[in-house]
């Protein structure tokens, strides 16, 4: 069974947010003033996903360089 990674979790969250956008779901994640909805969060989650993947890659490079 594959290991569940941060990347996999962020992919699931990203897909869920995308589905909510496409379905026109009116979910607000914070309050009525800020009105943070899936369309606001999706690009942020995608950036976090890229950042996490970059960190994993850098860790692997560091391990290779240490050996």
PDB file of N, CA and C in Angstrom:
ATOM      1  N   UNK A   1       0.855  -1.180   0.000  1.00  0.00           N
ATOM      2  CA  UNK A   1       0.000   0.000   0.000  1.00  0.00           C
ATOM      3  C   UNK A   1       0.902   1.244   0.000  1.00  0.00           C
ATOM      4  N   UNK A   2       0.658   2.198  -0.903  1.00  0.00           N
ATOM      5  CA  UNK A   2       1.494   3.391  -0.955  1.00  0.00           C
ATOM      6  C   UNK A   2       1.316   4.263   0.290  1.00  0.00           C
ATOM      7  N   UNK A   3       2.373   4.991   0.600  1.00  0.00           N
ATOM      8  CA  UNK A   3       2.343   5.904   1.728  1.00  0.00           C
ATOM      9  C   UNK A   3       1.507   7.129   1.381  1.00  0.00           C
ATOM     10  N   UNK A   4       0.670   7.544   2.299  1.00  0.00           N
ATOM     11  CA  UNK A   4      -0.133   8.751   2.108  1.00  0.00           C
ATOM     12  C   UNK A   4       0.746   9.940   2.439  1.00  0.00           C
ATOM     13  N   UNK A   5       0.981  10.793   1.452  1.00  0.00           N
ATOM     14  CA  UNK A   5       1.906  11.913   1.618  1.00  0.00           C
ATOM     15  C   UNK A   5       1.150  13.232   1.727  1.00  0.00           C
ATOM     16  N   UNK A   6       1.892  14.255   2.109  1.00  0.00           N
ATOM     17  CA  UNK A   6       1.320  15.607   2.138  1.00  0.00           C
ATOM     18  C   UNK A   6       0.865  16.013   0.742  1.00  0.00           C
ATOM     19  N   UNK A   7       1.646  15.624  -0.259  1.00  0.00           N
ATOM     20  CA  UNK A   7       1.266  15.945  -1.636  1.00  0.00           C
ATOM     21  C   UNK A   7      -0.071  15.310  -2.008  1.00  0.00           C
ATOM     22  N   UNK A   8      -0.258  14.050  -1.620  1.00  0.00           N
ATOM     23  CA  UNK A   8      -1.508  13.358  -1.921  1.00  0.00           C
ATOM     24  C   UNK A   8      -2.687  14.042  -1.222  1.00  0.00           C
ATOM     25  N   UNK A   9      -2.498  14.428   0.026  1.00  0.00           N
ATOM     26  CA  UNK A   9      -3.561  15.116   0.758  1.00  0.00           C
ATOM     27  C   UNK A   9      -3.900  16.453   0.108  1.00  0.00           C
ATOM     28  N   UNK A  10      -2.882  17.187  -0.321  1.00  0.00           N
ATOM     29  CA  UNK A  10      -3.125  18.475  -0.977  1.00  0.00           C
ATOM     30  C   UNK A  10      -3.782  18.291  -2.341  1.00  0.00           C
ATOM     31  N   UNK A  11      -3.450  17.206  -3.032  1.00  0.00           N
ATOM     32  CA  UNK A  11      -4.118  16.904  -4.304  1.00  0.00           C
ATOM     33  C   UNK A  11      -5.609  16.642  -4.086  1.00  0.00           C
ATOM     34  N   UNK A  12      -5.929  15.889  -3.051  1.00  0.00           N
ATOM     35  CA  UNK A  12      -7.334  15.611  -2.725  1.00  0.00           C
ATOM     36  C   UNK A  12      -8.068  16.911  -2.400  1.00  0.00           C
ATOM     37  N   UNK A  13      -7.449  17.735  -1.583  1.00  0.00           N
ATOM     38  CA  UNK A  13      -8.063  19.016  -1.225  1.00  0.00           C
ATOM     39  C   UNK A  13      -8.244  19.895  -2.457  1.00  0.00           C
ATOM     40  N   UNK A  14      -7.245  19.938  -3.307  1.00  0.00           N
ATOM     41  CA  UNK A  14      -7.316  20.729  -4.531  1.00  0.00           C
ATOM     42  C   UNK A  14      -8.452  20.244  -5.434  1.00  0.00           C
ATOM     43  N   UNK A  15      -8.545  18.930  -5.604  1.00  0.00           N
ATOM     44  CA  UNK A  15      -9.630  18.365  -6.431  1.00  0.00           C
ATOM     45  C   UNK A  15     -10.991  18.685  -5.838  1.00  0.00           C
ATOM     46  N   UNK A  16     -11.109  18.596  -4.524  1.00  0.00           N
ATOM     47  CA  UNK A  16     -12.380  18.891  -3.850  1.00  0.00           C
ATOM     48  C   UNK A  16     -12.766  20.358  -4.037  1.00  0.00           C
ATOM     49  N   UNK A  17     -11.798  21.251  -3.868  1.00  0.00           N
ATOM     50  CA  UNK A  17     -12.082  22.677  -4.083  1.00  0.00           C
ATOM     51  C   UNK A  17     -12.497  22.931  -5.524  1.00  0.00           C
ATOM     52  N   UNK A  18     -11.801  22.302  -6.480  1.00  0.00           N
ATOM     53  CA  UNK A  18     -12.140  22.462  -7.890  1.00  0.00           C
ATOM     54  C   UNK A  18     -13.562  21.975  -8.163  1.00  0.00           C
ATOM     55  N   UNK A  19     -13.915  20.838  -7.594  1.00  0.00           N
ATOM     56  CA  UNK A  19     -15.281  20.320  -7.756  1.00  0.00           C
ATOM     57  C   UNK A  19     -16.307  21.293  -7.198  1.00  0.00           C
ATOM     58  N   UNK A  20     -16.022  21.891  -6.051  1.00  0.00           N
ATOM     59  CA  UNK A  20     -16.941  22.856  -5.453  1.00  0.00           C
ATOM     60  C   UNK A  20     -17.098  24.088  -6.333  1.00  0.00           C
ATOM     61  N   UNK A  21     -16.017  24.529  -6.949  1.00  0.00           N
ATOM     62  CA  UNK A  21     -16.084  25.677  -7.857  1.00  0.00           C
ATOM     63  C   UNK A  21     -16.957  25.330  -9.060  1.00  0.00           C
ATOM     64  N   UNK A  22     -16.706  24.170  -9.653  1.00  0.00           N
ATOM     65  CA  UNK A  22     -17.458  23.758 -10.835  1.00  0.00           C
ATOM     66  C   UNK A  22     -18.943  23.543 -10.551  1.00  0.00           C
ATOM     67  N   UNK A  23     -19.260  23.107  -9.335  1.00  0.00           N
ATOM     68  CA  UNK A  23     -20.662  22.868  -8.966  1.00  0.00           C
ATOM     69  C   UNK A  23     -21.359  24.123  -8.448  1.00  0.00           C
ATOM     70  N   UNK A  24     -20.602  25.194  -8.281  1.00  0.00           N
ATOM     71  CA  UNK A  24     -21.195  26.434  -7.792  1.00  0.00           C
ATOM     72  C   UNK A  24     -21.575  26.390  -6.321  1.00  0.00           C
ATOM     73  N   UNK A  25     -20.896  25.551  -5.561  1.00  0.00           N
ATOM     74  CA  UNK A  25     -21.164  25.433  -4.134  1.00  0.00           C
ATOM     75  C   UNK A  25     -20.787  26.731  -3.426  1.00  0.00           C
ATOM     76  N   UNK A  26     -21.630  27.158  -2.511  1.00  0.00           N
ATOM     77  CA  UNK A  26     -21.405  28.419  -1.800  1.00  0.00           C
ATOM     78  C   UNK A  26     -20.875  28.146  -0.391  1.00  0.00           C
ATOM     79  N   UNK A  27     -19.636  27.664  -0.328  1.00  0.00           N
ATOM     80  CA  UNK A  27     -18.986  27.408   0.952  1.00  0.00           C
ATOM     81  C   UNK A  27     -18.114  28.612   1.287  1.00  0.00           C
ATOM     82  N   UNK A  28     -18.262  29.118   2.497  1.00  0.00           N
ATOM     83  CA  UNK A  28     -17.417  30.203   2.992  1.00  0.00           C
ATOM     84  C   UNK A  28     -16.602  29.626   4.144  1.00  0.00           C
ATOM     85  N   UNK A  29     -15.281  29.765   4.078  1.00  0.00           N
ATOM     86  CA  UNK A  29     -14.401  29.125   5.051  1.00  0.00           C
ATOM     87  C   UNK A  29     -14.029  29.985   6.247  1.00  0.00           C
ATOM     88  N   UNK A  30     -14.366  31.267   6.218  1.00  0.00           N
ATOM     89  CA  UNK A  30     -13.977  32.083   7.361  1.00  0.00           C
ATOM     90  C   UNK A  30     -15.147  32.871   7.932  1.00  0.00           C
ATOM     91  N   UNK A  31     -15.530  33.965   7.313  1.00  0.00           N
ATOM     92  CA  UNK A  31     -16.604  34.785   7.856  1.00  0.00           C
ATOM     93  C   UNK A  31     -17.277  35.575   6.730  1.00  0.00           C
ATOM     94  N   UNK A  32     -18.348  36.282   7.079  1.00  0.00           N
ATOM     95  CA  UNK A  32     -19.100  37.017   6.070  1.00  0.00           C
ATOM     96  C   UNK A  32     -18.368  38.237   5.535  1.00  0.00           C
ATOM     97  N   UNK A  33     -17.374  38.726   6.268  1.00  0.00           N
ATOM     98  CA  UNK A  33     -16.624  39.884   5.777  1.00  0.00           C
ATOM     99  C   UNK A  33     -15.572  39.472   4.754  1.00  0.00           C
ATOM    100  N   UNK A  34     -14.782  38.457   5.085  1.00  0.00           N
ATOM    101  CA  UNK A  34     -13.700  38.009   4.203  1.00  0.00           C
ATOM    102  C   UNK A  34     -14.225  37.165   3.034  1.00  0.00           C
ATOM    103  N   UNK A  35     -15.226  36.328   3.330  1.00  0.00           N
ATOM    104  CA  UNK A  35     -15.863  35.471   2.336  1.00  0.00           C
ATOM    105  C   UNK A  35     -14.856  34.651   1.521  1.00  0.00           C
ATOM    106  N   UNK A  36     -13.978  33.960   2.227  1.00  0.00           N
ATOM    107  CA  UNK A  36     -12.995  33.101   1.580  1.00  0.00           C
ATOM    108  C   UNK A  36     -13.691  31.837   1.095  1.00  0.00           C
ATOM    109  N   UNK A  37     -13.798  31.718  -0.222  1.00  0.00           N
ATOM    110  CA  UNK A  37     -14.498  30.592  -0.830  1.00  0.00           C
ATOM    111  C   UNK A  37     -13.490  29.692  -1.554  1.00  0.00           C
ATOM    112  N   UNK A  38     -13.948  28.583  -2.139  1.00  0.00           N
ATOM    113  CA  UNK A  38     -13.032  27.674  -2.824  1.00  0.00           C
ATOM    114  C   UNK A  38     -12.201  28.342  -3.923  1.00  0.00           C
ATOM    115  N   UNK A  39     -12.761  29.300  -4.633  1.00  0.00           N
ATOM    116  CA  UNK A  39     -12.026  29.970  -5.710  1.00  0.00           C
ATOM    117  C   UNK A  39     -10.846  30.776  -5.168  1.00  0.00           C
ATOM    118  N   UNK A  40     -10.967  31.286  -3.963  1.00  0.00           N
ATOM    119  CA  UNK A  40      -9.864  32.020  -3.326  1.00  0.00           C
ATOM    120  C   UNK A  40      -8.807  31.041  -2.821  1.00  0.00           C
ATOM    121  N   UNK A  41      -9.240  29.928  -2.232  1.00  0.00           N
ATOM    122  CA  UNK A  41      -8.305  28.973  -1.644  1.00  0.00           C
ATOM    123  C   UNK A  41      -7.555  28.125  -2.663  1.00  0.00           C
ATOM    124  N   UNK A  42      -8.191  27.798  -3.773  1.00  0.00           N
ATOM    125  CA  UNK A  42      -7.596  26.854  -4.717  1.00  0.00           C
ATOM    126  C   UNK A  42      -6.197  27.259  -5.178  1.00  0.00           C
ATOM    127  N   UNK A  43      -5.958  28.482  -5.642  1.00  0.00           N
ATOM    128  CA  UNK A  43      -4.594  28.816  -6.064  1.00  0.00           C
ATOM    129  C   UNK A  43      -3.575  28.759  -4.918  1.00  0.00           C
ATOM    130  N   UNK A  44      -4.028  29.060  -3.716  1.00  0.00           N
ATOM    131  CA  UNK A  44      -3.130  28.985  -2.563  1.00  0.00           C
ATOM    132  C   UNK A  44      -2.754  27.537  -2.251  1.00  0.00           C
ATOM    133  N   UNK A  45      -3.730  26.653  -2.304  1.00  0.00           N
ATOM    134  CA  UNK A  45      -3.473  25.229  -2.054  1.00  0.00           C
ATOM    135  C   UNK A  45      -2.562  24.664  -3.129  1.00  0.00           C
ATOM    136  N   UNK A  46      -2.772  25.067  -4.377  1.00  0.00           N
ATOM    137  CA  UNK A  46      -1.898  24.594  -5.454  1.00  0.00           C
ATOM    138  C   UNK A  46      -0.462  25.083  -5.262  1.00  0.00           C
ATOM    139  N   UNK A  47      -0.302  26.303  -4.779  1.00  0.00           N
ATOM    140  CA  UNK A  47       1.051  26.811  -4.517  1.00  0.00           C
ATOM    141  C   UNK A  47       1.702  26.046  -3.370  1.00  0.00           C
ATOM    142  N   UNK A  48       0.928  25.785  -2.323  1.00  0.00           N
ATOM    143  CA  UNK A  48       1.453  25.002  -1.205  1.00  0.00           C
ATOM    144  C   UNK A  48       1.872  23.621  -1.698  1.00  0.00           C
ATOM    145  N   UNK A  49       1.088  23.022  -2.580  1.00  0.00           N
ATOM    146  CA  UNK A  49       1.418  21.701  -3.139  1.00  0.00           C
ATOM    147  C   UNK A  49       2.760  21.749  -3.861  1.00  0.00           C
ATOM    148  N   UNK A  50       2.978  22.782  -4.658  1.00  0.00           N
ATOM    149  CA  UNK A  50       4.258  22.933  -5.360  1.00  0.00           C
ATOM    150  C   UNK A  50       5.396  23.135  -4.364  1.00  0.00           C
ATOM    151  N   UNK A  51       5.162  23.929  -3.337  1.00  0.00           N
ATOM    152  CA  UNK A  51       6.194  24.180  -2.328  1.00  0.00           C
ATOM    153  C   UNK A  51       6.568  22.896  -1.582  1.00  0.00           C
ATOM    154  N   UNK A  52       5.583  22.101  -1.217  1.00  0.00           N
ATOM    155  CA  UNK A  52       5.840  20.844  -0.512  1.00  0.00           C
ATOM    156  C   UNK A  52       6.632  19.894  -1.411  1.00  0.00           C
ATOM    157  N   UNK A  53       6.269  19.825  -2.675  1.00  0.00           N
ATOM    158  CA  UNK A  53       7.003  18.970  -3.614  1.00  0.00           C
ATOM    159  C   UNK A  53       8.449  19.456  -3.765  1.00  0.00           C
ATOM    160  N   UNK A  54       8.637  20.769  -3.822  1.00  0.00           N
ATOM    161  CA  UNK A  54       9.995  21.324  -3.908  1.00  0.00           C
ATOM    162  C   UNK A  54      10.817  20.960  -2.675  1.00  0.00           C
ATOM    163  N   UNK A  55      10.213  21.063  -1.503  1.00  0.00           N
ATOM    164  CA  UNK A  55      10.916  20.708  -0.265  1.00  0.00           C
ATOM    165  C   UNK A  55      11.305  19.227  -0.254  1.00  0.00           C
ATOM    166  N   UNK A  56      10.401  18.377  -0.691  1.00  0.00           N
ATOM    167  CA  UNK A  56      10.697  16.938  -0.742  1.00  0.00           C
ATOM    168  C   UNK A  56      11.865  16.688  -1.696  1.00  0.00           C
ATOM    169  N   UNK A  57      11.845  17.366  -2.830  1.00  0.00           N
ATOM    170  CA  UNK A  57      12.924  17.224  -3.812  1.00  0.00           C
ATOM    171  C   UNK A  57      14.258  17.699  -3.224  1.00  0.00           C
ATOM    172  N   UNK A  58      14.241  18.831  -2.554  1.00  0.00           N
ATOM    173  CA  UNK A  58      15.473  19.340  -1.946  1.00  0.00           C
ATOM    174  C   UNK A  58      16.015  18.391  -0.876  1.00  0.00           C
ATOM    175  N   UNK A  59      15.128  17.793  -0.106  1.00  0.00           N
ATOM    176  CA  UNK A  59      15.569  16.821   0.907  1.00  0.00           C
ATOM    177  C   UNK A  59      16.242  15.629   0.245  1.00  0.00           C
ATOM    178  N   UNK A  60      15.657  15.155  -0.854  1.00  0.00           N
ATOM    179  CA  UNK A  60      16.258  14.028  -1.564  1.00  0.00           C
ATOM    180  C   UNK A  60      17.634  14.404  -2.119  1.00  0.00           C
ATOM    181  N   UNK A  61      17.744  15.580  -2.679  1.00  0.00           N
ATOM    182  CA  UNK A  61      19.037  16.034  -3.195  1.00  0.00           C
ATOM    183  C   UNK A  61      20.077  16.122  -2.078  1.00  0.00           C
ATOM    184  N   UNK A  62      19.647  16.603  -0.938  1.00  0.00           N
ATOM    185  CA  UNK A  62      20.562  16.735   0.209  1.00  0.00           C
ATOM    186  C   UNK A  62      21.055  15.368   0.668  1.00  0.00           C
ATOM    187  N   UNK A  63      20.144  14.373   0.685  1.00  0.00           N
ATOM    188  CA  UNK A  63      20.538  13.019   1.073  1.00  0.00           C
ATOM    189  C   UNK A  63      21.550  12.443   0.088  1.00  0.00           C
ATOM    190  N   UNK A  64      21.318  12.661  -1.193  1.00  0.00           N
ATOM    191  CA  UNK A  64      22.221  12.145  -2.228  1.00  0.00           C
ATOM    192  C   UNK A  64      23.594  12.789  -2.090  1.00  0.00           C
ATOM    193  N   UNK A  65      23.611  14.088  -1.835  1.00  0.00           N
ATOM    194  CA  UNK A  65      24.881  14.798  -1.682  1.00  0.00           C
ATOM    195  C   UNK A  65      25.632  14.360  -0.425  1.00  0.00           C
ATOM    196  N   UNK A  66      24.912  13.921   0.592  1.00  0.00           N
ATOM    197  CA  UNK A  66      25.541  13.505   1.849  1.00  0.00           C
ATOM    198  C   UNK A  66      26.195  12.138   1.744  1.00  0.00           C
ATOM    199  N   UNK A  67      25.804  11.366   0.763  1.00  0.00           N
ATOM    200  CA  UNK A  67      26.343   9.996   0.667  1.00  0.00           C
ATOM    201  C   UNK A  67      27.560   9.928  -0.200  1.00  0.00           C
TER     202      UNK A  67
END
